[in-house]
PDB file of N, CA and C in Angstrom:
ATOM      1  N   MET A   1     -60.194 -36.620  -2.302  1.00  0.00           N
ATOM      2  CA  MET A   1     -59.023 -35.914  -2.793  1.00  0.00           C
ATOM      3  C   MET A   1     -59.449 -34.908  -3.849  1.00  0.00           C
ATOM      4  N   ASN A   2     -58.792 -33.792  -3.805  1.00  0.00           N
ATOM      5  CA  ASN A   2     -59.099 -32.818  -4.842  1.00  0.00           C
ATOM      6  C   ASN A   2     -58.100 -32.953  -5.998  1.00  0.00           C
ATOM      7  N   LEU A   3     -58.375 -32.298  -7.078  1.00  0.00           N
ATOM      8  CA  LEU A   3     -57.567 -32.399  -8.290  1.00  0.00           C
ATOM      9  C   LEU A   3     -56.133 -31.950  -8.036  1.00  0.00           C
ATOM     10  N   LYS A   4     -55.945 -30.928  -7.253  1.00  0.00           N
ATOM     11  CA  LYS A   4     -54.614 -30.403  -6.966  1.00  0.00           C
ATOM     12  C   LYS A   4     -53.761 -31.466  -6.246  1.00  0.00           C
ATOM     13  N   THR A   5     -54.333 -32.176  -5.317  1.00  0.00           N
ATOM     14  CA  THR A   5     -53.622 -33.215  -4.583  1.00  0.00           C
ATOM     15  C   THR A   5     -53.263 -34.382  -5.499  1.00  0.00           C
ATOM     16  N   VAL A   6     -54.186 -34.755  -6.363  1.00  0.00           N
ATOM     17  CA  VAL A   6     -53.943 -35.846  -7.297  1.00  0.00           C
ATOM     18  C   VAL A   6     -52.809 -35.474  -8.258  1.00  0.00           C
ATOM     19  N   LEU A   7     -52.844 -34.267  -8.792  1.00  0.00           N
ATOM     20  CA  LEU A   7     -51.797 -33.827  -9.711  1.00  0.00           C
ATOM     21  C   LEU A   7     -50.438 -33.755  -9.020  1.00  0.00           C
ATOM     22  N   ALA A   8     -50.422 -33.267  -7.801  1.00  0.00           N
ATOM     23  CA  ALA A   8     -49.175 -33.188  -7.045  1.00  0.00           C
ATOM     24  C   ALA A   8     -48.605 -34.585  -6.812  1.00  0.00           C
ATOM     25  N   SER A   9     -49.469 -35.533  -6.488  1.00  0.00           N
ATOM     26  CA  SER A   9     -49.030 -36.907  -6.282  1.00  0.00           C
ATOM     27  C   SER A   9     -48.481 -37.515  -7.569  1.00  0.00           C
ATOM     28  N   LEU A  10     -49.141 -37.237  -8.668  1.00  0.00           N
ATOM     29  CA  LEU A  10     -48.701 -37.751  -9.959  1.00  0.00           C
ATOM     30  C   LEU A  10     -47.327 -37.186 -10.335  1.00  0.00           C
ATOM     31  N   VAL A  11     -47.143 -35.905 -10.164  1.00  0.00           N
ATOM     32  CA  VAL A  11     -45.865 -35.265 -10.485  1.00  0.00           C
ATOM     33  C   VAL A  11     -44.749 -35.839  -9.611  1.00  0.00           C
ATOM     34  N   LEU A  12     -45.015 -36.004  -8.339  1.00  0.00           N
ATOM     35  CA  LEU A  12     -44.022 -36.562  -7.427  1.00  0.00           C
ATOM     36  C   LEU A  12     -43.681 -38.008  -7.811  1.00  0.00           C
ATOM     37  N   SER A  13     -44.670 -38.788  -8.159  1.00  0.00           N
ATOM     38  CA  SER A  13     -44.442 -40.174  -8.563  1.00  0.00           C
ATOM     39  C   SER A  13     -43.567 -40.246  -9.812  1.00  0.00           C
ATOM     40  N   LEU A  14     -43.843 -39.411 -10.781  1.00  0.00           N
ATOM     41  CA  LEU A  14     -43.048 -39.394 -12.007  1.00  0.00           C
ATOM     42  C   LEU A  14     -41.618 -38.938 -11.733  1.00  0.00           C
ATOM     43  N   ALA A  15     -41.471 -37.943 -10.880  1.00  0.00           N
ATOM     44  CA  ALA A  15     -40.137 -37.444 -10.548  1.00  0.00           C
ATOM     45  C   ALA A  15     -39.298 -38.523  -9.871  1.00  0.00           C
ATOM     46  N   LEU A  16     -39.912 -39.324  -9.031  1.00  0.00           N
ATOM     47  CA  LEU A  16     -39.191 -40.393  -8.344  1.00  0.00           C
ATOM     48  C   LEU A  16     -38.909 -41.578  -9.266  1.00  0.00           C
ATOM     49  N   ALA A  17     -39.745 -41.785 -10.257  1.00  0.00           N
ATOM     50  CA  ALA A  17     -39.584 -42.919 -11.158  1.00  0.00           C
ATOM     51  C   ALA A  17     -38.561 -42.651 -12.258  1.00  0.00           C
ATOM     52  N   LEU A  18     -38.360 -41.422 -12.647  1.00  0.00           N
ATOM     53  CA  LEU A  18     -37.471 -41.097 -13.755  1.00  0.00           C
ATOM     54  C   LEU A  18     -36.042 -41.582 -13.565  1.00  0.00           C
ATOM     55  N   PRO A  19     -35.423 -41.438 -12.392  1.00  0.00           N
ATOM     56  CA  PRO A  19     -34.052 -41.934 -12.270  1.00  0.00           C
ATOM     57  C   PRO A  19     -33.927 -43.424 -12.550  1.00  0.00           C
ATOM     58  N   ALA A  20     -34.933 -44.194 -12.280  1.00  0.00           N
ATOM     59  CA  ALA A  20     -34.888 -45.629 -12.546  1.00  0.00           C
ATOM     60  C   ALA A  20     -34.842 -45.916 -14.046  1.00  0.00           C
ATOM     61  N   PHE A  21     -35.417 -45.049 -14.843  1.00  0.00           N
ATOM     62  CA  PHE A  21     -35.444 -45.246 -16.285  1.00  0.00           C
ATOM     63  C   PHE A  21     -34.381 -44.444 -17.009  1.00  0.00           C
ATOM     64  N   ALA A  22     -33.762 -43.490 -16.329  1.00  0.00           N
ATOM     65  CA  ALA A  22     -32.805 -42.594 -16.972  1.00  0.00           C
ATOM     66  C   ALA A  22     -31.506 -43.304 -17.332  1.00  0.00           C
ATOM     67  N   ALA A  23     -31.056 -44.214 -16.487  1.00  0.00           N
ATOM     68  CA  ALA A  23     -29.792 -44.892 -16.741  1.00  0.00           C
ATOM     69  C   ALA A  23     -29.952 -45.881 -17.883  1.00  0.00           C
ATOM     70  N   GLY A  24     -29.116 -45.712 -18.882  1.00  0.00           N
ATOM     71  CA  GLY A  24     -29.151 -46.636 -20.001  1.00  0.00           C
ATOM     72  C   GLY A  24     -28.109 -47.710 -19.801  1.00  0.00           C
ATOM     73  N   PRO A  25     -27.875 -48.518 -20.804  1.00  0.00           N
ATOM     74  CA  PRO A  25     -26.843 -49.545 -20.708  1.00  0.00           C
ATOM     75  C   PRO A  25     -25.476 -48.923 -20.407  1.00  0.00           C
ATOM     76  N   VAL A  26     -24.667 -49.646 -19.655  1.00  0.00           N
ATOM     77  CA  VAL A  26     -23.346 -49.165 -19.256  1.00  0.00           C
ATOM     78  C   VAL A  26     -22.289 -50.049 -19.905  1.00  0.00           C
ATOM     79  N   ASP A  27     -21.393 -49.438 -20.665  1.00  0.00           N
ATOM     80  CA  ASP A  27     -20.299 -50.174 -21.288  1.00  0.00           C
ATOM     81  C   ASP A  27     -19.190 -50.337 -20.257  1.00  0.00           C
ATOM     82  N   ILE A  28     -19.012 -51.552 -19.760  1.00  0.00           N
ATOM     83  CA  ILE A  28     -18.035 -51.785 -18.705  1.00  0.00           C
ATOM     84  C   ILE A  28     -16.594 -51.681 -19.207  1.00  0.00           C
ATOM     85  N   ASN A  29     -16.394 -51.585 -20.510  1.00  0.00           N
ATOM     86  CA  ASN A  29     -15.045 -51.428 -21.053  1.00  0.00           C
ATOM     87  C   ASN A  29     -14.656 -49.976 -21.291  1.00  0.00           C
ATOM     88  N   SER A  30     -15.595 -49.064 -21.204  1.00  0.00           N
ATOM     89  CA  SER A  30     -15.236 -47.671 -21.453  1.00  0.00           C
ATOM     90  C   SER A  30     -15.767 -46.696 -20.403  1.00  0.00           C
ATOM     91  N   ALA A  31     -16.711 -47.118 -19.588  1.00  0.00           N
ATOM     92  CA  ALA A  31     -17.316 -46.206 -18.612  1.00  0.00           C
ATOM     93  C   ALA A  31     -16.325 -45.854 -17.504  1.00  0.00           C
ATOM     94  N   ASP A  32     -16.391 -44.603 -17.051  1.00  0.00           N
ATOM     95  CA  ASP A  32     -15.578 -44.203 -15.909  1.00  0.00           C
ATOM     96  C   ASP A  32     -16.269 -44.644 -14.623  1.00  0.00           C
ATOM     97  N   ALA A  33     -15.594 -44.465 -13.496  1.00  0.00           N
ATOM     98  CA  ALA A  33     -16.119 -44.947 -12.220  1.00  0.00           C
ATOM     99  C   ALA A  33     -17.466 -44.313 -11.883  1.00  0.00           C
ATOM    100  N   LYS A  34     -17.616 -43.040 -12.152  1.00  0.00           N
ATOM    101  CA  LYS A  34     -18.876 -42.360 -11.831  1.00  0.00           C
ATOM    102  C   LYS A  34     -20.026 -42.959 -12.632  1.00  0.00           C
ATOM    103  N   THR A  35     -19.803 -43.201 -13.907  1.00  0.00           N
ATOM    104  CA  THR A  35     -20.839 -43.785 -14.768  1.00  0.00           C
ATOM    105  C   THR A  35     -21.197 -45.199 -14.319  1.00  0.00           C
ATOM    106  N   LEU A  36     -20.192 -45.980 -13.947  1.00  0.00           N
ATOM    107  CA  LEU A  36     -20.448 -47.333 -13.460  1.00  0.00           C
ATOM    108  C   LEU A  36     -21.265 -47.293 -12.172  1.00  0.00           C
ATOM    109  N   ALA A  37     -20.894 -46.407 -11.251  1.00  0.00           N
ATOM    110  CA  ALA A  37     -21.602 -46.308  -9.963  1.00  0.00           C
ATOM    111  C   ALA A  37     -23.045 -45.859 -10.153  1.00  0.00           C
ATOM    112  N   GLU A  38     -23.269 -44.954 -11.073  1.00  0.00           N
ATOM    113  CA  GLU A  38     -24.622 -44.442 -11.311  1.00  0.00           C
ATOM    114  C   GLU A  38     -25.473 -45.420 -12.127  1.00  0.00           C
ATOM    115  N   GLY A  39     -24.838 -46.207 -12.983  1.00  0.00           N
ATOM    116  CA  GLY A  39     -25.597 -47.034 -13.911  1.00  0.00           C
ATOM    117  C   GLY A  39     -25.823 -48.474 -13.494  1.00  0.00           C
ATOM    118  N   LEU A  40     -25.058 -48.952 -12.509  1.00  0.00           N
ATOM    119  CA  LEU A  40     -25.183 -50.344 -12.108  1.00  0.00           C
ATOM    120  C   LEU A  40     -25.721 -50.440 -10.685  1.00  0.00           C
ATOM    121  N   THR A  41     -26.753 -51.225 -10.497  1.00  0.00           N
ATOM    122  CA  THR A  41     -27.381 -51.425  -9.194  1.00  0.00           C
ATOM    123  C   THR A  41     -26.424 -52.163  -8.265  1.00  0.00           C
ATOM    124  N   GLY A  42     -26.246 -51.626  -7.067  1.00  0.00           N
ATOM    125  CA  GLY A  42     -25.393 -52.273  -6.078  1.00  0.00           C
ATOM    126  C   GLY A  42     -23.915 -51.951  -6.225  1.00  0.00           C
ATOM    127  N   VAL A  43     -23.584 -51.047  -7.154  1.00  0.00           N
ATOM    128  CA  VAL A  43     -22.197 -50.650  -7.368  1.00  0.00           C
ATOM    129  C   VAL A  43     -22.053 -49.190  -6.952  1.00  0.00           C
ATOM    130  N   GLY A  44     -21.294 -48.986  -5.882  1.00  0.00           N
ATOM    131  CA  GLY A  44     -20.984 -47.635  -5.428  1.00  0.00           C
ATOM    132  C   GLY A  44     -19.640 -47.214  -5.996  1.00  0.00           C
ATOM    133  N   MET A  45     -19.135 -46.085  -5.540  1.00  0.00           N
ATOM    134  CA  MET A  45     -17.876 -45.566  -6.074  1.00  0.00           C
ATOM    135  C   MET A  45     -16.704 -46.510  -5.800  1.00  0.00           C
ATOM    136  N   SER A  46     -16.673 -47.140  -4.646  1.00  0.00           N
ATOM    137  CA  SER A  46     -15.559 -48.031  -4.313  1.00  0.00           C
ATOM    138  C   SER A  46     -15.483 -49.207  -5.287  1.00  0.00           C
ATOM    139  N   LYS A  47     -16.612 -49.862  -5.526  1.00  0.00           N
ATOM    140  CA  LYS A  47     -16.648 -50.994  -6.463  1.00  0.00           C
ATOM    141  C   LYS A  47     -16.408 -50.518  -7.892  1.00  0.00           C
ATOM    142  N   ALA A  48     -16.938 -49.357  -8.217  1.00  0.00           N
ATOM    143  CA  ALA A  48     -16.746 -48.814  -9.564  1.00  0.00           C
ATOM    144  C   ALA A  48     -15.269 -48.520  -9.822  1.00  0.00           C
ATOM    145  N   GLU A  49     -14.591 -47.967  -8.837  1.00  0.00           N
ATOM    146  CA  GLU A  49     -13.160 -47.700  -8.976  1.00  0.00           C
ATOM    147  C   GLU A  49     -12.372 -49.006  -9.083  1.00  0.00           C
ATOM    148  N   ALA A  50     -12.819 -50.046  -8.381  1.00  0.00           N
ATOM    149  CA  ALA A  50     -12.169 -51.356  -8.486  1.00  0.00           C
ATOM    150  C   ALA A  50     -12.342 -51.927  -9.894  1.00  0.00           C
ATOM    151  N   ILE A  51     -13.503 -51.714 -10.495  1.00  0.00           N
ATOM    152  CA  ILE A  51     -13.745 -52.181 -11.873  1.00  0.00           C
ATOM    153  C   ILE A  51     -12.791 -51.474 -12.835  1.00  0.00           C
ATOM    154  N   VAL A  52     -12.670 -50.158 -12.700  1.00  0.00           N
ATOM    155  CA  VAL A  52     -11.792 -49.382 -13.583  1.00  0.00           C
ATOM    156  C   VAL A  52     -10.335 -49.818 -13.401  1.00  0.00           C
ATOM    157  N   ALA A  53      -9.910 -50.022 -12.150  1.00  0.00           N
ATOM    158  CA  ALA A  53      -8.530 -50.448 -11.878  1.00  0.00           C
ATOM    159  C   ALA A  53      -8.268 -51.841 -12.459  1.00  0.00           C
ATOM    160  N   TYR A  54      -9.219 -52.750 -12.297  1.00  0.00           N
ATOM    161  CA  TYR A  54      -9.082 -54.103 -12.829  1.00  0.00           C
ATOM    162  C   TYR A  54      -8.958 -54.056 -14.352  1.00  0.00           C
ATOM    163  N   ARG A  55      -9.793 -53.258 -14.969  1.00  0.00           N
ATOM    164  CA  ARG A  55      -9.785 -53.127 -16.427  1.00  0.00           C
ATOM    165  C   ARG A  55      -8.453 -52.547 -16.907  1.00  0.00           C
ATOM    166  N   ALA A  56      -7.903 -51.575 -16.169  1.00  0.00           N
ATOM    167  CA  ALA A  56      -6.624 -50.975 -16.547  1.00  0.00           C
ATOM    168  C   ALA A  56      -5.486 -51.986 -16.435  1.00  0.00           C
ATOM    169  N   GLU A  57      -5.573 -52.861 -15.443  1.00  0.00           N
ATOM    170  CA  GLU A  57      -4.514 -53.848 -15.227  1.00  0.00           C
ATOM    171  C   GLU A  57      -4.629 -55.062 -16.140  1.00  0.00           C
ATOM    172  N   HIS A  58      -5.855 -55.538 -16.377  1.00  0.00           N
ATOM    173  CA  HIS A  58      -6.063 -56.793 -17.103  1.00  0.00           C
ATOM    174  C   HIS A  58      -6.590 -56.624 -18.523  1.00  0.00           C
ATOM    175  N   GLY A  59      -6.911 -55.421 -18.922  1.00  0.00           N
ATOM    176  CA  GLY A  59      -7.461 -55.200 -20.256  1.00  0.00           C
ATOM    177  C   GLY A  59      -8.975 -55.274 -20.248  1.00  0.00           C
ATOM    178  N   PRO A  60      -9.580 -55.148 -21.410  1.00  0.00           N
ATOM    179  CA  PRO A  60     -11.038 -55.102 -21.499  1.00  0.00           C
ATOM    180  C   PRO A  60     -11.693 -56.427 -21.133  1.00  0.00           C
ATOM    181  N   PHE A  61     -12.919 -56.326 -20.664  1.00  0.00           N
ATOM    182  CA  PHE A  61     -13.721 -57.505 -20.353  1.00  0.00           C
ATOM    183  C   PHE A  61     -14.222 -58.099 -21.661  1.00  0.00           C
ATOM    184  N   ALA A  62     -14.144 -59.409 -21.792  1.00  0.00           N
ATOM    185  CA  ALA A  62     -14.643 -60.086 -22.992  1.00  0.00           C
ATOM    186  C   ALA A  62     -16.150 -60.302 -22.919  1.00  0.00           C
ATOM    187  N   ASN A  63     -16.684 -60.408 -21.684  1.00  0.00           N
ATOM    188  CA  ASN A  63     -18.121 -60.587 -21.503  1.00  0.00           C
ATOM    189  C   ASN A  63     -18.497 -60.104 -20.103  1.00  0.00           C
ATOM    190  N   ALA A  64     -19.774 -59.984 -19.852  1.00  0.00           N
ATOM    191  CA  ALA A  64     -20.265 -59.460 -18.573  1.00  0.00           C
ATOM    192  C   ALA A  64     -19.872 -60.350 -17.401  1.00  0.00           C
ATOM    193  N   SER A  65     -19.812 -61.644 -17.606  1.00  0.00           N
ATOM    194  CA  SER A  65     -19.482 -62.576 -16.527  1.00  0.00           C
ATOM    195  C   SER A  65     -18.088 -62.338 -15.951  1.00  0.00           C
ATOM    196  N   GLU A  66     -17.171 -61.857 -16.766  1.00  0.00           N
ATOM    197  CA  GLU A  66     -15.814 -61.582 -16.294  1.00  0.00           C
ATOM    198  C   GLU A  66     -15.781 -60.490 -15.228  1.00  0.00           C
ATOM    199  N   LEU A  67     -16.814 -59.700 -15.180  1.00  0.00           N
ATOM    200  CA  LEU A  67     -16.906 -58.642 -14.176  1.00  0.00           C
ATOM    201  C   LEU A  67     -16.847 -59.225 -12.761  1.00  0.00           C
ATOM    202  N   ALA A  68     -17.283 -60.463 -12.591  1.00  0.00           N
ATOM    203  CA  ALA A  68     -17.278 -61.118 -11.285  1.00  0.00           C
ATOM    204  C   ALA A  68     -15.861 -61.395 -10.781  1.00  0.00           C
ATOM    205  N   GLN A  69     -14.867 -61.271 -11.629  1.00  0.00           N
ATOM    206  CA  GLN A  69     -13.479 -61.468 -11.214  1.00  0.00           C
ATOM    207  C   GLN A  69     -12.938 -60.269 -10.430  1.00  0.00           C
ATOM    208  N   VAL A  70     -13.648 -59.149 -10.488  1.00  0.00           N
ATOM    209  CA  VAL A  70     -13.240 -57.949  -9.762  1.00  0.00           C
ATOM    210  C   VAL A  70     -13.585 -58.133  -8.284  1.00  0.00           C
ATOM    211  N   LYS A  71     -12.620 -57.820  -7.408  1.00  0.00           N
ATOM    212  CA  LYS A  71     -12.857 -57.955  -5.967  1.00  0.00           C
ATOM    213  C   LYS A  71     -14.059 -57.114  -5.559  1.00  0.00           C
ATOM    214  N   GLY A  72     -14.999 -57.742  -4.856  1.00  0.00           N
ATOM    215  CA  GLY A  72     -16.199 -57.052  -4.399  1.00  0.00           C
ATOM    216  C   GLY A  72     -17.391 -57.195  -5.323  1.00  0.00           C
ATOM    217  N   ILE A  73     -17.156 -57.760  -6.509  1.00  0.00           N
ATOM    218  CA  ILE A  73     -18.239 -57.971  -7.476  1.00  0.00           C
ATOM    219  C   ILE A  73     -18.456 -59.483  -7.566  1.00  0.00           C
ATOM    220  N   GLY A  74     -19.639 -59.932  -7.286  1.00  0.00           N
ATOM    221  CA  GLY A  74     -19.924 -61.358  -7.359  1.00  0.00           C
ATOM    222  C   GLY A  74     -20.860 -61.693  -8.495  1.00  0.00           C
ATOM    223  N   ASP A  75     -21.100 -62.973  -8.663  1.00  0.00           N
ATOM    224  CA  ASP A  75     -21.996 -63.435  -9.722  1.00  0.00           C
ATOM    225  C   ASP A  75     -23.404 -62.863  -9.574  1.00  0.00           C
ATOM    226  N   LYS A  76     -23.886 -62.773  -8.330  1.00  0.00           N
ATOM    227  CA  LYS A  76     -25.241 -62.248  -8.110  1.00  0.00           C
ATOM    228  C   LYS A  76     -25.350 -60.797  -8.559  1.00  0.00           C
ATOM    229  N   LEU A  77     -24.322 -60.004  -8.279  1.00  0.00           N
ATOM    230  CA  LEU A  77     -24.330 -58.595  -8.692  1.00  0.00           C
ATOM    231  C   LEU A  77     -24.310 -58.488 -10.212  1.00  0.00           C
ATOM    232  N   VAL A  78     -23.529 -59.333 -10.853  1.00  0.00           N
ATOM    233  CA  VAL A  78     -23.478 -59.337 -12.319  1.00  0.00           C
ATOM    234  C   VAL A  78     -24.846 -59.716 -12.884  1.00  0.00           C
ATOM    235  N   GLU A  79     -25.460 -60.757 -12.333  1.00  0.00           N
ATOM    236  CA  GLU A  79     -26.771 -61.198 -12.822  1.00  0.00           C
ATOM    237  C   GLU A  79     -27.831 -60.116 -12.630  1.00  0.00           C
ATOM    238  N   ARG A  80     -27.775 -59.421 -11.501  1.00  0.00           N
ATOM    239  CA  ARG A  80     -28.747 -58.361 -11.222  1.00  0.00           C
ATOM    240  C   ARG A  80     -28.645 -57.239 -12.258  1.00  0.00           C
ATOM    241  N   ASN A  81     -27.453 -57.037 -12.811  1.00  0.00           N
ATOM    242  CA  ASN A  81     -27.219 -55.939 -13.749  1.00  0.00           C
ATOM    243  C   ASN A  81     -27.058 -56.387 -15.195  1.00  0.00           C
ATOM    244  N   ARG A  82     -27.150 -57.682 -15.450  1.00  0.00           N
ATOM    245  CA  ARG A  82     -26.819 -58.212 -16.780  1.00  0.00           C
ATOM    246  C   ARG A  82     -27.528 -57.483 -17.925  1.00  0.00           C
ATOM    247  N   ASP A  83     -28.795 -57.161 -17.759  1.00  0.00           N
ATOM    248  CA  ASP A  83     -29.548 -56.490 -18.838  1.00  0.00           C
ATOM    249  C   ASP A  83     -29.074 -55.061 -19.076  1.00  0.00           C
ATOM    250  N   ASN A  84     -28.316 -54.520 -18.151  1.00  0.00           N
ATOM    251  CA  ASN A  84     -27.859 -53.138 -18.258  1.00  0.00           C
ATOM    252  C   ASN A  84     -26.367 -53.054 -18.581  1.00  0.00           C
ATOM    253  N   ILE A  85     -25.712 -54.189 -18.776  1.00  0.00           N
ATOM    254  CA  ILE A  85     -24.275 -54.212 -19.057  1.00  0.00           C
ATOM    255  C   ILE A  85     -24.036 -54.396 -20.550  1.00  0.00           C
ATOM    256  N   VAL A  86     -23.170 -53.550 -21.087  1.00  0.00           N
ATOM    257  CA  VAL A  86     -22.734 -53.658 -22.474  1.00  0.00           C
ATOM    258  C   VAL A  86     -21.224 -53.884 -22.431  1.00  0.00           C
ATOM    259  N   VAL A  87     -20.734 -54.766 -23.297  1.00  0.00           N
ATOM    260  CA  VAL A  87     -19.305 -55.040 -23.367  1.00  0.00           C
ATOM    261  C   VAL A  87     -18.820 -54.572 -24.734  1.00  0.00           C
ATOM    262  N   GLY A  88     -18.436 -53.329 -24.809  1.00  0.00           N
ATOM    263  CA  GLY A  88     -18.012 -52.753 -26.075  1.00  0.00           C
ATOM    264  C   GLY A  88     -16.512 -52.783 -26.248  1.00  0.00           C
ATOM    265  N   GLY A  89     -16.085 -52.929 -27.487  1.00  0.00           N
ATOM    266  CA  GLY A  89     -14.680 -52.801 -27.821  1.00  0.00           C
ATOM    267  C   GLY A  89     -13.785 -53.958 -27.422  1.00  0.00           C
ATOM    268  N   ALA A  90     -14.280 -54.958 -26.745  1.00  0.00           N
ATOM    269  CA  ALA A  90     -13.423 -56.045 -26.259  1.00  0.00           C
ATOM    270  C   ALA A  90     -12.792 -56.826 -27.410  1.00  0.00           C
ATOM    271  N   LYS A  91     -13.568 -57.177 -28.415  1.00  0.00           N
ATOM    272  CA  LYS A  91     -13.047 -57.980 -29.517  1.00  0.00           C
ATOM    273  C   LYS A  91     -12.038 -57.188 -30.339  1.00  0.00           C
ATOM    274  N   ALA A  92     -12.335 -55.924 -30.601  1.00  0.00           N
ATOM    275  CA  ALA A  92     -11.418 -55.097 -31.382  1.00  0.00           C
ATOM    276  C   ALA A  92     -10.095 -54.924 -30.656  1.00  0.00           C
ATOM    277  N   LYS A  93     -10.132 -54.693 -29.345  1.00  0.00           N
ATOM    278  CA  LYS A  93      -8.908 -54.520 -28.574  1.00  0.00           C
ATOM    279  C   LYS A  93      -8.130 -55.833 -28.504  1.00  0.00           C
ATOM    280  N   ALA A  94      -8.837 -56.944 -28.354  1.00  0.00           N
ATOM    281  CA  ALA A  94      -8.178 -58.243 -28.280  1.00  0.00           C
ATOM    282  C   ALA A  94      -7.483 -58.559 -29.606  1.00  0.00           C
ATOM    283  N   ARG A  95      -8.137 -58.266 -30.718  1.00  0.00           N
ATOM    284  CA  ARG A  95      -7.531 -58.492 -32.031  1.00  0.00           C
ATOM    285  C   ARG A  95      -6.316 -57.612 -32.226  1.00  0.00           C
ATOM    286  N   THR A  96      -6.399 -56.356 -31.792  1.00  0.00           N
ATOM    287  CA  THR A  96      -5.281 -55.426 -31.930  1.00  0.00           C
ATOM    288  C   THR A  96      -4.084 -55.943 -31.138  1.00  0.00           C
ATOM    289  N   ALA A  97      -4.327 -56.465 -29.944  1.00  0.00           N
ATOM    290  CA  ALA A  97      -3.243 -57.002 -29.121  1.00  0.00           C
ATOM    291  C   ALA A  97      -2.621 -58.221 -29.793  1.00  0.00           C
ATOM    292  N   LYS A  98      -3.441 -59.111 -30.384  1.00  0.00           N
ATOM    293  CA  LYS A  98      -2.919 -60.291 -31.075  1.00  0.00           C
ATOM    294  C   LYS A  98      -2.089 -59.883 -32.283  1.00  0.00           C
ATOM    295  N   THR A  99      -2.584 -58.912 -33.046  1.00  0.00           N
ATOM    296  CA  THR A  99      -1.882 -58.437 -34.234  1.00  0.00           C
ATOM    297  C   THR A  99      -0.545 -57.837 -33.853  1.00  0.00           C
ATOM    298  N   ALA A 100      -0.521 -57.059 -32.796  1.00  0.00           N
ATOM    299  CA  ALA A 100       0.709 -56.410 -32.356  1.00  0.00           C
ATOM    300  C   ALA A 100       1.741 -57.436 -31.899  1.00  0.00           C
ATOM    301  N   SER A 101       1.309 -58.486 -31.223  1.00  0.00           N
ATOM    302  CA  SER A 101       2.244 -59.495 -30.730  1.00  0.00           C
ATOM    303  C   SER A 101       2.734 -60.393 -31.866  1.00  0.00           C
ATOM    304  N   ALA A 102       1.938 -60.552 -32.912  1.00  0.00           N
ATOM    305  CA  ALA A 102       2.324 -61.409 -34.030  1.00  0.00           C
ATOM    306  C   ALA A 102       3.332 -60.710 -34.936  1.00  0.00           C
ATOM    307  N   GLY A 103       3.294 -59.377 -34.974  1.00  0.00           N
ATOM    308  CA  GLY A 103       4.115 -58.635 -35.916  1.00  0.00           C
ATOM    309  C   GLY A 103       5.379 -58.254 -35.345  1.00  0.00           C
TER     310      GLY A 103
END
């Protein structure tokens, strides 16, 4: 192999590897469907839209495991993505709802 071929292979390898590292943690309580589909393995637009609809109907997720309650999302899918799931704002929203109902 010549140097040009090696460099071309290296550039191609890096270009293909970058999308795997580009996606950061996904906040399942605030991400839109596109962000969920792009950031979670095994979640396409249909499942991502189901997550957003479930969240709109039932409120924020308290933890990542609750994601399995969404139709089409199972425990295995949650486990596969657990390291990439962030559950932001759930406690603050839950407290706000409790405060509002108490007052």
